[in-house]
Amino acid sequence: MVIMKVLIVEDELYNQRMLQGMLKQLRPHWTIAAITDSVADTVAWLQNNHPDLIFMDIQLVDGICFSIFERIQINQPIVFTTAYDNYAIQAFKVNSIHYLLKPIKELELEQAINKFERNQKVIRHETDYSELLKAIRDGEKKYRTRFMIQAGTAYYKLEVSDIAYFYSENKITFGVMFQGKEHSIDFTLDALEEELNPDTFFRANRQLMVNINAVQKFEDYFGGKLALKLTPPFKESITVSRLKNAAFKTWIGK
C-alpha cells in the first residue's frame, strides 16, 4: 500500500475540514501533511517539504494562488478547487488542468484521485503554472473603477471605491459617497450590476446596490428577509429579500 502525502491549500476552515474529512474517508492510508491558507505560508512550507499531491484553492487570504508559482517551482500534481469562475475554468480546460468545483462532491473527488493514481507512476508533472496564471489574468473581466459626472459646465471624476451605495428613484440613479454627498449617475442599477465588481457591490433589492464597506451590520427580519444598516445611513429602511438572503451572507463572508 502506497502512502501519499497531501497538502491542502485552503483559506476557509469549513472547506478545510470538509476536504480533509472526505480524503480520510476515501483514502484512509493517505497522510494530510499540512494545511496552509495563504500564498506566503504555502511558499514557506513547500520550500522544505515535498508532497505527492496538492489540493489548492484559487483565492487565498493574501491573494490568488497562482502567485505561488511566481515565487517557487512546483513539480507535484495539483487539483485546483474553486467556486465557479469562467476565466479560471476556461484556462484550466485549455491547459488540461484538473479542477473541482465547490462545494466539492465526493464522487468528483474520487474521480480526481483515481486520475492521479492512474497517471502518477507514468507521467511526470511539468505544467507551466506561470503560463496558466497569465492566461487567467489576461481573461479576467475589467470592472469600472470610476465615473465621470457633469456639474454645469464642469466635469468631475468619482472613484468607485468612494461610493457607499447606489439607489434608484424616479428612474434616476444616484451614487452616495461615504462622506454623504450624492451624485446622479447615468447608469441604471441593472447596468451597474454588469459594470461593477460583484465582490465589492451587491444588488440588495430593486432600488439599491451596496458597497461591502458600507454595510455596518445586518440582522434577521420577518419573512426570511435581512435588514441592513449602512454607513452613511440610507433615508429608508433597507431589506434584502428572502431569495437573496443566502447569497448576501455568502458575499459578506468572502
Protein backbone atom coordinates (compact mmCIF):
# COMPACT_ATOMS: atom_id res chain seq x y z
CA MET A 1 0.00 0.00 0.00
CA VAL A 2 1.48 3.33 -1.10
CA ILE A 3 1.14 6.14 1.43
CA MET A 4 0.68 9.53 -0.19
CA LYS A 5 1.45 12.87 1.45
CA VAL A 6 -1.15 15.51 0.65
CA LEU A 7 -1.02 19.29 1.04
CA ILE A 8 -4.31 21.18 1.32
CA VAL A 9 -4.17 24.87 0.43
CA GLU A 10 -7.48 26.43 1.50
CA ASP A 11 -8.33 29.59 3.44
CA GLU A 12 -11.82 28.69 4.69
CA LEU A 13 -11.95 26.50 7.80
CA TYR A 14 -15.21 24.80 6.78
CA ASN A 15 -13.78 23.80 3.38
CA GLN A 16 -10.55 22.64 5.01
CA ARG A 17 -12.46 20.28 7.29
CA MET A 18 -14.79 19.03 4.56
CA LEU A 19 -11.96 18.18 2.16
CA GLN A 20 -9.85 16.64 4.90
CA GLY A 21 -12.77 14.50 6.04
CA MET A 22 -13.57 13.26 2.53
CA LEU A 23 -9.93 12.41 1.85
CA LYS A 24 -9.69 10.43 5.09
CA GLN A 25 -12.82 8.53 4.14
CA LEU A 26 -11.79 7.83 0.54
CA ARG A 27 -8.08 7.19 1.20
CA PRO A 28 -7.61 6.49 4.93
CA HIS A 29 -4.00 5.45 4.37
CA TRP A 30 -3.06 8.84 2.93
CA THR A 31 -1.42 11.45 5.15
CA ILE A 32 -2.52 15.08 5.29
CA ALA A 33 0.96 16.54 5.57
CA ALA A 34 -0.17 20.13 6.11
CA ILE A 35 -2.94 22.66 5.60
CA THR A 36 -1.99 26.20 4.58
CA ASP A 37 -4.27 29.17 3.96
CA SER A 38 -2.10 31.79 2.26
CA VAL A 39 0.38 32.31 -0.54
CA ALA A 40 3.15 33.15 1.93
CA ASP A 41 2.60 30.11 4.17
CA THR A 42 2.33 27.76 1.18
CA VAL A 43 5.59 29.01 -0.33
CA ALA A 44 7.36 28.70 3.02
CA TRP A 45 6.09 25.15 3.57
CA LEU A 46 6.92 23.96 0.04
CA GLN A 47 10.49 25.23 0.31
CA ASN A 48 11.19 22.47 2.84
CA ASN A 49 8.58 19.82 2.05
CA HIS A 50 7.60 17.72 -0.96
CA PRO A 51 4.02 16.40 -1.00
CA ASP A 52 2.84 13.86 -3.55
CA LEU A 53 -0.38 15.72 -4.34
CA ILE A 54 -1.73 19.22 -3.69
CA PHE A 55 -5.34 20.37 -3.43
CA MET A 56 -5.29 24.13 -3.93
CA ASP A 57 -7.99 26.78 -3.65
CA ILE A 58 -7.65 29.69 -6.06
CA GLN A 59 -8.46 32.61 -3.76
CA LEU A 60 -6.37 32.68 -0.58
CA VAL A 61 -6.25 35.15 2.30
CA ASP A 62 -3.37 37.14 0.81
CA GLY A 63 -4.05 36.82 -2.91
CA ILE A 64 -4.59 34.48 -5.83
CA CYS A 65 -2.89 31.09 -5.51
CA PHE A 66 -1.12 31.36 -8.85
CA SER A 67 1.21 33.92 -7.29
CA ILE A 68 2.81 30.92 -5.58
CA PHE A 69 4.17 29.74 -8.93
CA GLU A 70 5.93 33.06 -9.48
CA ARG A 71 7.89 32.51 -6.26
CA ILE A 72 8.64 28.78 -6.23
CA GLN A 73 8.78 25.93 -8.73
CA ILE A 74 6.23 23.19 -8.12
CA ASN A 75 6.53 19.84 -9.88
CA GLN A 76 3.87 17.98 -7.92
CA PRO A 77 0.42 17.43 -9.43
CA ILE A 78 -2.25 19.88 -8.31
CA VAL A 79 -6.03 19.63 -8.21
CA PHE A 80 -7.47 23.13 -8.05
CA THR A 81 -10.63 23.79 -6.06
CA THR A 82 -12.75 26.79 -6.95
CA ALA A 83 -16.12 28.43 -6.89
CA TYR A 84 -17.39 28.93 -10.44
CA ASP A 85 -15.14 31.32 -12.34
CA ASN A 86 -15.46 31.46 -16.12
CA TYR A 87 -11.93 32.70 -16.75
CA ALA A 88 -10.16 30.27 -14.42
CA ILE A 89 -12.15 27.26 -15.58
CA GLN A 90 -11.64 28.09 -19.25
CA ALA A 91 -7.89 28.35 -18.61
CA PHE A 92 -7.95 25.01 -16.78
CA LYS A 93 -9.67 23.35 -19.73
CA VAL A 94 -7.28 24.82 -22.29
CA ASN A 95 -4.26 23.73 -20.24
CA SER A 96 -5.72 20.29 -19.31
CA ILE A 97 -5.65 21.14 -15.59
CA HIS A 98 -7.83 19.15 -13.21
CA TYR A 99 -10.19 21.16 -11.02
CA LEU A 100 -13.07 20.61 -8.61
CA LEU A 101 -16.00 22.98 -8.24
CA LYS A 102 -17.11 23.96 -4.75
CA PRO A 103 -18.94 22.61 -2.91
CA ILE A 104 -16.83 19.55 -3.65
CA LYS A 105 -18.80 16.37 -4.25
CA GLU A 106 -17.39 13.07 -3.03
CA LEU A 107 -17.84 11.35 -6.41
CA GLU A 108 -15.92 14.09 -8.22
CA LEU A 109 -13.17 13.97 -5.61
CA GLU A 110 -12.95 10.20 -6.08
CA GLN A 111 -12.61 10.70 -9.84
CA ALA A 112 -9.81 13.23 -9.34
CA ILE A 113 -7.97 10.85 -7.02
CA ASN A 114 -8.39 7.94 -9.44
CA LYS A 115 -6.97 10.05 -12.27
CA PHE A 116 -3.98 10.98 -10.12
CA GLU A 117 -3.35 7.35 -9.14
CA ARG A 118 -3.54 6.19 -12.76
CA ASN A 119 -1.13 8.83 -14.00
CA GLN A 120 1.32 9.48 -11.20
CA LYS A 121 3.55 6.49 -11.96
CA VAL A 122 3.93 7.13 -15.65
CA ILE A 123 3.58 10.86 -16.20
CA ARG A 124 5.93 13.49 -14.87
CA HIS A 125 4.04 16.63 -13.91
CA GLU A 126 5.50 19.58 -15.82
CA THR A 127 2.63 22.03 -16.16
CA ASP A 128 3.78 25.62 -16.58
CA TYR A 129 1.63 27.29 -13.95
CA SER A 130 3.07 30.73 -14.68
CA GLU A 131 1.53 30.47 -18.16
CA LEU A 132 -1.75 29.42 -16.58
CA LEU A 133 -1.63 32.49 -14.33
CA LYS A 134 -1.04 34.73 -17.33
CA ALA A 135 -3.96 33.16 -19.21
CA ILE A 136 -6.30 33.74 -16.28
CA ARG A 137 -5.17 37.30 -15.67
CA ASP A 138 -5.47 38.15 -19.36
CA GLY A 139 -9.02 36.82 -19.39
CA GLU A 140 -10.26 38.46 -16.21
CA LYS A 141 -13.04 40.95 -16.66
CA LYS A 142 -12.02 44.55 -16.07
CA TYR A 143 -14.58 46.29 -13.89
CA ARG A 144 -15.29 50.01 -13.82
CA THR A 145 -13.13 51.94 -11.35
CA ARG A 146 -14.50 55.47 -11.81
CA PHE A 147 -17.33 57.56 -13.22
CA MET A 148 -17.28 60.90 -14.99
CA ILE A 149 -20.04 63.28 -13.89
CA GLN A 150 -21.02 66.73 -15.07
CA ALA A 151 -21.99 69.70 -12.90
CA GLY A 152 -22.88 72.68 -15.07
CA THR A 153 -20.02 73.13 -17.50
CA ALA A 154 -17.52 71.28 -15.30
CA TYR A 155 -16.69 67.58 -15.26
CA TYR A 156 -15.53 65.55 -12.28
CA LYS A 157 -14.41 62.00 -11.73
CA LEU A 158 -15.79 59.80 -8.98
CA GLU A 159 -13.77 56.83 -7.78
CA VAL A 160 -15.97 53.75 -7.44
CA SER A 161 -14.22 52.88 -4.17
CA ASP A 162 -15.51 56.16 -2.67
CA ILE A 163 -19.17 55.29 -3.36
CA ALA A 164 -21.04 53.68 -0.46
CA TYR A 165 -24.15 52.70 -2.40
CA PHE A 166 -26.33 53.42 -5.41
CA TYR A 167 -30.08 53.84 -5.32
CA SER A 168 -32.77 54.40 -7.92
CA GLU A 169 -35.56 56.95 -7.53
CA ASN A 170 -37.99 58.17 -10.21
CA LYS A 171 -35.90 56.39 -12.86
CA ILE A 172 -32.75 58.28 -11.84
CA THR A 173 -29.74 56.53 -10.29
CA PHE A 174 -27.80 58.24 -7.52
CA GLY A 175 -24.43 57.38 -6.06
CA VAL A 176 -23.98 58.21 -2.38
CA MET A 177 -20.40 58.86 -1.32
CA PHE A 178 -19.04 57.66 2.00
CA GLN A 179 -18.92 61.28 3.19
CA GLY A 180 -22.64 61.57 2.41
CA LYS A 181 -22.69 63.61 -0.79
CA GLU A 182 -24.95 62.41 -3.64
CA HIS A 183 -24.39 62.47 -7.40
CA SER A 184 -26.65 61.37 -10.24
CA ILE A 185 -25.13 58.59 -12.34
CA ASP A 186 -26.01 57.90 -15.98
CA PHE A 187 -26.42 54.17 -15.43
CA THR A 188 -29.36 52.04 -14.37
CA LEU A 189 -28.85 49.65 -11.47
CA ASP A 190 -29.14 46.77 -13.96
CA ALA A 191 -26.25 48.26 -15.96
CA LEU A 192 -24.21 48.83 -12.80
CA GLU A 193 -24.50 45.14 -11.96
CA GLU A 194 -22.53 44.44 -15.14
CA GLU A 195 -20.07 47.32 -14.67
CA LEU A 196 -19.06 46.88 -11.02
CA ASN A 197 -17.05 44.19 -9.29
CA PRO A 198 -19.51 41.75 -7.65
CA ASP A 199 -17.02 41.11 -4.86
CA THR A 200 -17.47 44.75 -3.81
CA PHE A 201 -21.06 45.60 -4.77
CA PHE A 202 -24.26 43.66 -4.10
CA ARG A 203 -27.74 44.30 -5.51
CA ALA A 204 -29.72 44.29 -2.27
CA ASN A 205 -33.09 44.89 -3.94
CA ARG A 206 -34.61 46.61 -6.95
CA GLN A 207 -33.81 50.07 -5.62
CA LEU A 208 -30.39 49.64 -4.01
CA MET A 209 -26.87 48.37 -4.67
CA VAL A 210 -24.42 48.48 -1.75
CA ASN A 211 -20.66 48.60 -1.30
CA ILE A 212 -19.49 45.91 1.12
CA ASN A 213 -17.61 48.57 3.10
CA ALA A 214 -20.87 50.47 3.68
CA VAL A 215 -22.55 47.56 5.48
CA GLN A 216 -22.35 48.40 9.17
CA LYS A 217 -24.49 45.47 10.30
CA PHE A 218 -27.42 43.30 9.26
CA GLU A 219 -29.97 41.24 11.15
CA ASP A 220 -32.73 38.75 10.53
CA TYR A 221 -36.06 40.28 9.56
CA PHE A 222 -39.51 38.76 9.22
CA GLY A 223 -40.33 36.58 6.24
CA GLY A 224 -36.75 35.35 5.90
CA LYS A 225 -35.52 38.80 4.90
CA LEU A 226 -32.48 40.68 6.18
CA ALA A 227 -32.48 44.25 7.49
CA LEU A 228 -29.37 46.28 6.64
CA LYS A 229 -27.79 49.24 8.40
CA LEU A 230 -25.49 51.26 6.15
CA THR A 231 -22.87 53.95 6.62
CA PRO A 232 -23.80 56.64 5.71
CA PRO A 233 -27.41 55.89 6.66
CA PHE A 234 -29.98 55.47 3.90
CA LYS A 235 -33.15 57.54 4.14
CA GLU A 236 -35.41 54.47 4.17
CA SER A 237 -35.32 51.04 5.80
CA ILE A 238 -33.39 48.53 3.71
CA THR A 239 -34.19 44.85 3.37
CA VAL A 240 -32.65 42.01 1.41
CA SER A 241 -35.26 39.58 0.11
CA ARG A 242 -35.58 36.00 1.35
CA LEU A 243 -34.39 34.75 -2.05
CA LYS A 244 -31.17 36.80 -1.78
CA ASN A 245 -30.60 36.10 1.91
CA ALA A 246 -28.09 33.26 1.42
CA ALA A 247 -26.31 35.00 -1.46
CA PHE A 248 -25.86 38.14 0.63
CA LYS A 249 -24.38 36.22 3.56
CA THR A 250 -22.00 34.40 1.22
CA TRP A 251 -20.96 37.74 -0.32
CA ILE A 252 -20.31 39.31 3.09
CA GLY A 253 -18.29 36.30 4.23
CA LYS A 254 -15.95 36.06 1.23
